[in-house]
Amino acid sequence: MDDQLNYVRPDDATILRELVEEKCNLLSEVPGVEVEFSPDEADMAGAFQEDALTDEDSRDACYDEDPYGQGNSAA
């Protein structure tokens, strides 16, 4: 009986983490299943990891050496 009185409700972050884990497990276990994620759940699952080039990196990339040894054709 004392165990019921000592229950502590998990915080919102724990609930969100457990829900995301359950949904990810469902995706990996059931082929073809469609699982809906809220924006917060999708973010926690890593769906929106930013890995684009920075503006500086993209500018530097346009001046890379030509792999065919022809030189840079950009004027």
PDB file of N, CA and C in Angstrom:
ATOM      1  N   MET A   1       0.815  -1.194   0.000  1.00  0.00           N
ATOM      2  CA  MET A   1       0.000   0.000   0.000  1.00  0.00           C
ATOM      3  C   MET A   1       0.860   1.260   0.000  1.00  0.00           C
ATOM      4  N   ASP A   2       2.025   1.218   0.667  1.00  0.00           N
ATOM      5  CA  ASP A   2       2.899   2.381   0.717  1.00  0.00           C
ATOM      6  C   ASP A   2       3.450   2.733  -0.650  1.00  0.00           C
ATOM      7  N   ASP A   3       3.633   1.732  -1.543  1.00  0.00           N
ATOM      8  CA  ASP A   3       4.164   1.992  -2.874  1.00  0.00           C
ATOM      9  C   ASP A   3       3.240   2.928  -3.650  1.00  0.00           C
ATOM     10  N   GLN A   4       1.957   2.820  -3.467  1.00  0.00           N
ATOM     11  CA  GLN A   4       1.020   3.674  -4.179  1.00  0.00           C
ATOM     12  C   GLN A   4       1.115   5.118  -3.705  1.00  0.00           C
ATOM     13  N   LEU A   5       1.464   5.325  -2.483  1.00  0.00           N
ATOM     14  CA  LEU A   5       1.558   6.672  -1.936  1.00  0.00           C
ATOM     15  C   LEU A   5       2.871   7.348  -2.325  1.00  0.00           C
ATOM     16  N   ASN A   6       3.872   6.581  -2.721  1.00  0.00           N
ATOM     17  CA  ASN A   6       5.176   7.130  -3.058  1.00  0.00           C
ATOM     18  C   ASN A   6       5.345   7.384  -4.552  1.00  0.00           C
ATOM     19  N   TYR A   7       4.304   7.256  -5.324  1.00  0.00           N
ATOM     20  CA  TYR A   7       4.394   7.463  -6.767  1.00  0.00           C
ATOM     21  C   TYR A   7       4.731   8.919  -7.070  1.00  0.00           C
ATOM     22  N   VAL A   8       5.706   9.104  -7.966  1.00  0.00           N
ATOM     23  CA  VAL A   8       6.077  10.441  -8.414  1.00  0.00           C
ATOM     24  C   VAL A   8       5.852  10.494  -9.913  1.00  0.00           C
ATOM     25  N   ARG A   9       5.032  11.431 -10.356  1.00  0.00           N
ATOM     26  CA  ARG A   9       4.734  11.566 -11.778  1.00  0.00           C
ATOM     27  C   ARG A   9       5.997  12.005 -12.510  1.00  0.00           C
ATOM     28  N   PRO A  10       6.309  11.348 -13.637  1.00  0.00           N
ATOM     29  CA  PRO A  10       7.486  11.762 -14.402  1.00  0.00           C
ATOM     30  C   PRO A  10       7.301  13.180 -14.948  1.00  0.00           C
ATOM     31  N   ASP A  11       8.410  13.890 -15.114  1.00  0.00           N
ATOM     32  CA  ASP A  11       8.310  15.241 -15.658  1.00  0.00           C
ATOM     33  C   ASP A  11       8.029  15.196 -17.161  1.00  0.00           C
ATOM     34  N   ASP A  12       7.695  16.326 -17.730  1.00  0.00           N
ATOM     35  CA  ASP A  12       7.306  16.387 -19.142  1.00  0.00           C
ATOM     36  C   ASP A  12       8.421  15.926 -20.071  1.00  0.00           C
ATOM     37  N   ALA A  13       9.664  16.250 -19.748  1.00  0.00           N
ATOM     38  CA  ALA A  13      10.793  15.836 -20.591  1.00  0.00           C
ATOM     39  C   ALA A  13      10.934  14.321 -20.619  1.00  0.00           C
ATOM     40  N   THR A  14      10.733  13.684 -19.484  1.00  0.00           N
ATOM     41  CA  THR A  14      10.817  12.222 -19.416  1.00  0.00           C
ATOM     42  C   THR A  14       9.689  11.583 -20.209  1.00  0.00           C
ATOM     43  N   ILE A  15       8.499  12.123 -20.089  1.00  0.00           N
ATOM     44  CA  ILE A  15       7.352  11.598 -20.829  1.00  0.00           C
ATOM     45  C   ILE A  15       7.593  11.735 -22.332  1.00  0.00           C
ATOM     46  N   LEU A  16       8.099  12.892 -22.771  1.00  0.00           N
ATOM     47  CA  LEU A  16       8.374  13.120 -24.189  1.00  0.00           C
ATOM     48  C   LEU A  16       9.442  12.154 -24.699  1.00  0.00           C
ATOM     49  N   ARG A  17      10.520  11.980 -23.924  1.00  0.00           N
ATOM     50  CA  ARG A  17      11.591  11.069 -24.318  1.00  0.00           C
ATOM     51  C   ARG A  17      11.079   9.643 -24.459  1.00  0.00           C
ATOM     52  N   GLU A  18      10.284   9.179 -23.506  1.00  0.00           N
ATOM     53  CA  GLU A  18       9.747   7.821 -23.551  1.00  0.00           C
ATOM     54  C   GLU A  18       8.793   7.639 -24.729  1.00  0.00           C
ATOM     55  N   LEU A  19       7.999   8.656 -25.016  1.00  0.00           N
ATOM     56  CA  LEU A  19       7.075   8.590 -26.142  1.00  0.00           C
ATOM     57  C   LEU A  19       7.835   8.505 -27.466  1.00  0.00           C
ATOM     58  N   VAL A  20       8.885   9.302 -27.605  1.00  0.00           N
ATOM     59  CA  VAL A  20       9.706   9.274 -28.819  1.00  0.00           C
ATOM     60  C   VAL A  20      10.384   7.916 -28.974  1.00  0.00           C
ATOM     61  N   GLU A  21      10.892   7.363 -27.886  1.00  0.00           N
ATOM     62  CA  GLU A  21      11.513   6.033 -27.933  1.00  0.00           C
ATOM     63  C   GLU A  21      10.512   4.980 -28.399  1.00  0.00           C
ATOM     64  N   GLU A  22       9.289   5.040 -27.874  1.00  0.00           N
ATOM     65  CA  GLU A  22       8.248   4.087 -28.273  1.00  0.00           C
ATOM     66  C   GLU A  22       7.923   4.215 -29.755  1.00  0.00           C
ATOM     67  N   LYS A  23       7.794   5.444 -30.233  1.00  0.00           N
ATOM     68  CA  LYS A  23       7.474   5.656 -31.641  1.00  0.00           C
ATOM     69  C   LYS A  23       8.611   5.191 -32.543  1.00  0.00           C
ATOM     70  N   CYS A  24       9.846   5.462 -32.154  1.00  0.00           N
ATOM     71  CA  CYS A  24      11.000   5.015 -32.945  1.00  0.00           C
ATOM     72  C   CYS A  24      11.087   3.493 -32.954  1.00  0.00           C
ATOM     73  N   ASN A  25      10.814   2.860 -31.840  1.00  0.00           N
ATOM     74  CA  ASN A  25      10.799   1.399 -31.784  1.00  0.00           C
ATOM     75  C   ASN A  25       9.723   0.842 -32.711  1.00  0.00           C
ATOM     76  N   LEU A  26       8.562   1.465 -32.713  1.00  0.00           N
ATOM     77  CA  LEU A  26       7.476   1.033 -33.585  1.00  0.00           C
ATOM     78  C   LEU A  26       7.886   1.146 -35.053  1.00  0.00           C
ATOM     79  N   LEU A  27       8.563   2.230 -35.399  1.00  0.00           N
ATOM     80  CA  LEU A  27       9.031   2.419 -36.782  1.00  0.00           C
ATOM     81  C   LEU A  27      10.015   1.336 -37.199  1.00  0.00           C
ATOM     82  N   SER A  28      10.878   0.927 -36.280  1.00  0.00           N
ATOM     83  CA  SER A  28      11.893  -0.064 -36.631  1.00  0.00           C
ATOM     84  C   SER A  28      11.359  -1.495 -36.596  1.00  0.00           C
ATOM     85  N   GLU A  29      10.252  -1.726 -35.896  1.00  0.00           N
ATOM     86  CA  GLU A  29       9.740  -3.083 -35.743  1.00  0.00           C
ATOM     87  C   GLU A  29       8.631  -3.446 -36.729  1.00  0.00           C
ATOM     88  N   VAL A  30       7.878  -2.462 -37.200  1.00  0.00           N
ATOM     89  CA  VAL A  30       6.722  -2.737 -38.045  1.00  0.00           C
ATOM     90  C   VAL A  30       6.957  -2.148 -39.438  1.00  0.00           C
ATOM     91  N   PRO A  31       7.257  -2.986 -40.425  1.00  0.00           N
ATOM     92  CA  PRO A  31       7.514  -2.472 -41.778  1.00  0.00           C
ATOM     93  C   PRO A  31       6.296  -1.756 -42.356  1.00  0.00           C
ATOM     94  N   GLY A  32       6.538  -0.593 -42.955  1.00  0.00           N
ATOM     95  CA  GLY A  32       5.475   0.141 -43.618  1.00  0.00           C
ATOM     96  C   GLY A  32       4.550   0.926 -42.717  1.00  0.00           C
ATOM     97  N   VAL A  33       4.773   0.909 -41.426  1.00  0.00           N
ATOM     98  CA  VAL A  33       3.888   1.626 -40.506  1.00  0.00           C
ATOM     99  C   VAL A  33       4.140   3.130 -40.635  1.00  0.00           C
ATOM    100  N   GLU A  34       3.075   3.902 -40.510  1.00  0.00           N
ATOM    101  CA  GLU A  34       3.181   5.353 -40.505  1.00  0.00           C
ATOM    102  C   GLU A  34       2.925   5.839 -39.084  1.00  0.00           C
ATOM    103  N   VAL A  35       3.885   6.564 -38.548  1.00  0.00           N
ATOM    104  CA  VAL A  35       3.781   7.069 -37.183  1.00  0.00           C
ATOM    105  C   VAL A  35       3.844   8.585 -37.233  1.00  0.00           C
ATOM    106  N   GLU A  36       2.909   9.229 -36.587  1.00  0.00           N
ATOM    107  CA  GLU A  36       2.855  10.684 -36.585  1.00  0.00           C
ATOM    108  C   GLU A  36       3.669  11.232 -35.413  1.00  0.00           C
ATOM    109  N   PHE A  37       4.508  12.229 -35.710  1.00  0.00           N
ATOM    110  CA  PHE A  37       5.324  12.884 -34.689  1.00  0.00           C
ATOM    111  C   PHE A  37       4.920  14.348 -34.603  1.00  0.00           C
ATOM    112  N   SER A  38       4.853  14.874 -33.397  1.00  0.00           N
ATOM    113  CA  SER A  38       4.664  16.314 -33.230  1.00  0.00           C
ATOM    114  C   SER A  38       5.997  16.992 -33.561  1.00  0.00           C
ATOM    115  N   PRO A  39       6.003  18.298 -33.774  1.00  0.00           N
ATOM    116  CA  PRO A  39       7.278  18.976 -34.044  1.00  0.00           C
ATOM    117  C   PRO A  39       8.319  18.758 -32.943  1.00  0.00           C
ATOM    118  N   ASP A  40       7.905  18.794 -31.685  1.00  0.00           N
ATOM    119  CA  ASP A  40       8.848  18.565 -30.583  1.00  0.00           C
ATOM    120  C   ASP A  40       9.388  17.143 -30.595  1.00  0.00           C
ATOM    121  N   GLU A  41       8.512  16.175 -30.873  1.00  0.00           N
ATOM    122  CA  GLU A  41       8.945  14.772 -30.936  1.00  0.00           C
ATOM    123  C   GLU A  41       9.918  14.560 -32.090  1.00  0.00           C
ATOM    124  N   ALA A  42       9.612  15.149 -33.238  1.00  0.00           N
ATOM    125  CA  ALA A  42      10.483  15.003 -34.400  1.00  0.00           C
ATOM    126  C   ALA A  42      11.846  15.622 -34.136  1.00  0.00           C
ATOM    127  N   ASP A  43      11.862  16.761 -33.474  1.00  0.00           N
ATOM    128  CA  ASP A  43      13.122  17.414 -33.132  1.00  0.00           C
ATOM    129  C   ASP A  43      13.936  16.537 -32.197  1.00  0.00           C
ATOM    130  N   MET A  44      13.279  15.966 -31.193  1.00  0.00           N
ATOM    131  CA  MET A  44      13.979  15.098 -30.246  1.00  0.00           C
ATOM    132  C   MET A  44      14.500  13.834 -30.930  1.00  0.00           C
ATOM    133  N   ALA A  45      13.786  13.351 -31.935  1.00  0.00           N
ATOM    134  CA  ALA A  45      14.195  12.146 -32.655  1.00  0.00           C
ATOM    135  C   ALA A  45      15.319  12.434 -33.648  1.00  0.00           C
ATOM    136  N   GLY A  46      15.653  13.712 -33.836  1.00  0.00           N
ATOM    137  CA  GLY A  46      16.745  14.064 -34.728  1.00  0.00           C
ATOM    138  C   GLY A  46      16.332  14.263 -36.169  1.00  0.00           C
ATOM    139  N   ALA A  47      15.060  14.491 -36.407  1.00  0.00           N
ATOM    140  CA  ALA A  47      14.582  14.633 -37.784  1.00  0.00           C
ATOM    141  C   ALA A  47      15.018  15.938 -38.422  1.00  0.00           C
ATOM    142  N   PHE A  48      15.350  16.931 -37.616  1.00  0.00           N
ATOM    143  CA  PHE A  48      15.679  18.241 -38.167  1.00  0.00           C
ATOM    144  C   PHE A  48      17.095  18.662 -37.803  1.00  0.00           C
ATOM    145  N   GLN A  49      18.040  17.762 -37.947  1.00  0.00           N
ATOM    146  CA  GLN A  49      19.428  18.121 -37.657  1.00  0.00           C
ATOM    147  C   GLN A  49      19.968  18.948 -38.814  1.00  0.00           C
ATOM    148  N   GLU A  50      20.447  20.126 -38.501  1.00  0.00           N
ATOM    149  CA  GLU A  50      20.962  21.042 -39.519  1.00  0.00           C
ATOM    150  C   GLU A  50      22.381  20.634 -39.897  1.00  0.00           C
ATOM    151  N   ASP A  51      22.554  20.283 -41.156  1.00  0.00           N
ATOM    152  CA  ASP A  51      23.894  19.890 -41.606  1.00  0.00           C
ATOM    153  C   ASP A  51      24.260  20.561 -42.932  1.00  0.00           C
ATOM    154  N   ALA A  52      23.590  21.673 -43.226  1.00  0.00           N
ATOM    155  CA  ALA A  52      23.864  22.399 -44.461  1.00  0.00           C
ATOM    156  C   ALA A  52      25.188  23.149 -44.343  1.00  0.00           C
ATOM    157  N   LEU A  53      25.744  23.465 -45.494  1.00  0.00           N
ATOM    158  CA  LEU A  53      26.972  24.257 -45.512  1.00  0.00           C
ATOM    159  C   LEU A  53      26.693  25.671 -45.017  1.00  0.00           C
ATOM    160  N   THR A  54      27.682  26.255 -44.388  1.00  0.00           N
ATOM    161  CA  THR A  54      27.556  27.662 -44.037  1.00  0.00           C
ATOM    162  C   THR A  54      27.756  28.488 -45.294  1.00  0.00           C
ATOM    163  N   ASP A  55      27.392  29.752 -45.248  1.00  0.00           N
ATOM    164  CA  ASP A  55      27.562  30.638 -46.397  1.00  0.00           C
ATOM    165  C   ASP A  55      29.039  30.704 -46.791  1.00  0.00           C
ATOM    166  N   GLU A  56      29.905  30.794 -45.800  1.00  0.00           N
ATOM    167  CA  GLU A  56      31.351  30.858 -46.067  1.00  0.00           C
ATOM    168  C   GLU A  56      31.856  29.572 -46.718  1.00  0.00           C
ATOM    169  N   ASP A  57      31.411  28.427 -46.218  1.00  0.00           N
ATOM    170  CA  ASP A  57      31.830  27.142 -46.798  1.00  0.00           C
ATOM    171  C   ASP A  57      31.365  27.002 -48.244  1.00  0.00           C
ATOM    172  N   SER A  58      30.149  27.450 -48.520  1.00  0.00           N
ATOM    173  CA  SER A  58      29.646  27.331 -49.890  1.00  0.00           C
ATOM    174  C   SER A  58      30.423  28.237 -50.845  1.00  0.00           C
ATOM    175  N   ARG A  59      30.811  29.410 -50.381  1.00  0.00           N
ATOM    176  CA  ARG A  59      31.623  30.302 -51.221  1.00  0.00           C
ATOM    177  C   ARG A  59      33.006  29.711 -51.454  1.00  0.00           C
ATOM    178  N   ASP A  60      33.593  29.130 -50.419  1.00  0.00           N
ATOM    179  CA  ASP A  60      34.909  28.501 -50.571  1.00  0.00           C
ATOM    180  C   ASP A  60      34.844  27.321 -51.527  1.00  0.00           C
ATOM    181  N   ALA A  61      33.747  26.596 -51.520  1.00  0.00           N
ATOM    182  CA  ALA A  61      33.626  25.392 -52.352  1.00  0.00           C
ATOM    183  C   ALA A  61      33.599  25.719 -53.835  1.00  0.00           C
ATOM    184  N   CYS A  62      33.122  26.884 -54.210  1.00  0.00           N
ATOM    185  CA  CYS A  62      33.052  27.213 -55.630  1.00  0.00           C
ATOM    186  C   CYS A  62      34.434  27.503 -56.208  1.00  0.00           C
ATOM    187  N   TYR A  63      35.442  27.645 -55.361  1.00  0.00           N
ATOM    188  CA  TYR A  63      36.798  27.905 -55.833  1.00  0.00           C
ATOM    189  C   TYR A  63      37.718  26.709 -55.635  1.00  0.00           C
ATOM    190  N   ASP A  64      37.142  25.540 -55.365  1.00  0.00           N
ATOM    191  CA  ASP A  64      37.962  24.335 -55.244  1.00  0.00           C
ATOM    192  C   ASP A  64      38.620  24.025 -56.579  1.00  0.00           C
ATOM    193  N   GLU A  65      39.733  23.328 -56.504  1.00  0.00           N
ATOM    194  CA  GLU A  65      40.441  22.968 -57.734  1.00  0.00           C
ATOM    195  C   GLU A  65      39.611  22.006 -58.565  1.00  0.00           C
ATOM    196  N   ASP A  66      39.738  22.140 -59.870  1.00  0.00           N
ATOM    197  CA  ASP A  66      39.046  21.257 -60.814  1.00  0.00           C
ATOM    198  C   ASP A  66      39.667  19.870 -60.718  1.00  0.00           C
ATOM    199  N   PRO A  67      38.861  18.816 -60.480  1.00  0.00           N
ATOM    200  CA  PRO A  67      39.420  17.474 -60.337  1.00  0.00           C
ATOM    201  C   PRO A  67      40.074  16.964 -61.627  1.00  0.00           C
ATOM    202  N   TYR A  68      39.805  17.618 -62.769  1.00  0.00           N
ATOM    203  CA  TYR A  68      40.356  17.175 -64.036  1.00  0.00           C
ATOM    204  C   TYR A  68      41.605  17.963 -64.436  1.00  0.00           C
ATOM    205  N   GLY A  69      42.040  18.872 -63.545  1.00  0.00           N
ATOM    206  CA  GLY A  69      43.255  19.625 -63.814  1.00  0.00           C
ATOM    207  C   GLY A  69      43.073  20.706 -64.863  1.00  0.00           C
ATOM    208  N   GLN A  70      41.858  21.101 -65.152  1.00  0.00           N
ATOM    209  CA  GLN A  70      41.579  22.099 -66.173  1.00  0.00           C
ATOM    210  C   GLN A  70      41.673  23.529 -65.632  1.00  0.00           C
ATOM    211  N   GLY A  71      41.804  23.674 -64.324  1.00  0.00           N
ATOM    212  CA  GLY A  71      41.817  25.003 -63.723  1.00  0.00           C
ATOM    213  C   GLY A  71      40.402  25.436 -63.399  1.00  0.00           C
ATOM    214  N   ASN A  72      40.280  26.582 -62.790  1.00  0.00           N
ATOM    215  CA  ASN A  72      38.968  27.087 -62.388  1.00  0.00           C
ATOM    216  C   ASN A  72      38.351  27.837 -63.556  1.00  0.00           C
ATOM    217  N   SER A  73      37.186  27.408 -64.004  1.00  0.00           N
ATOM    218  CA  SER A  73      36.531  28.045 -65.143  1.00  0.00           C
ATOM    219  C   SER A  73      35.687  29.238 -64.737  1.00  0.00           C
ATOM    220  N   ALA A  74      35.516  29.440 -63.414  1.00  0.00           N
ATOM    221  CA  ALA A  74      34.720  30.573 -62.954  1.00  0.00           C
ATOM    222  C   ALA A  74      35.512  31.864 -63.133  1.00  0.00           C
ATOM    223  N   ALA A  75      34.902  32.860 -63.686  1.00  0.00           N
ATOM    224  CA  ALA A  75      35.619  34.114 -63.942  1.00  0.00           C
ATOM    225  C   ALA A  75      35.308  35.139 -62.900  1.00  0.00           C
TER     226      ALA A  75
END
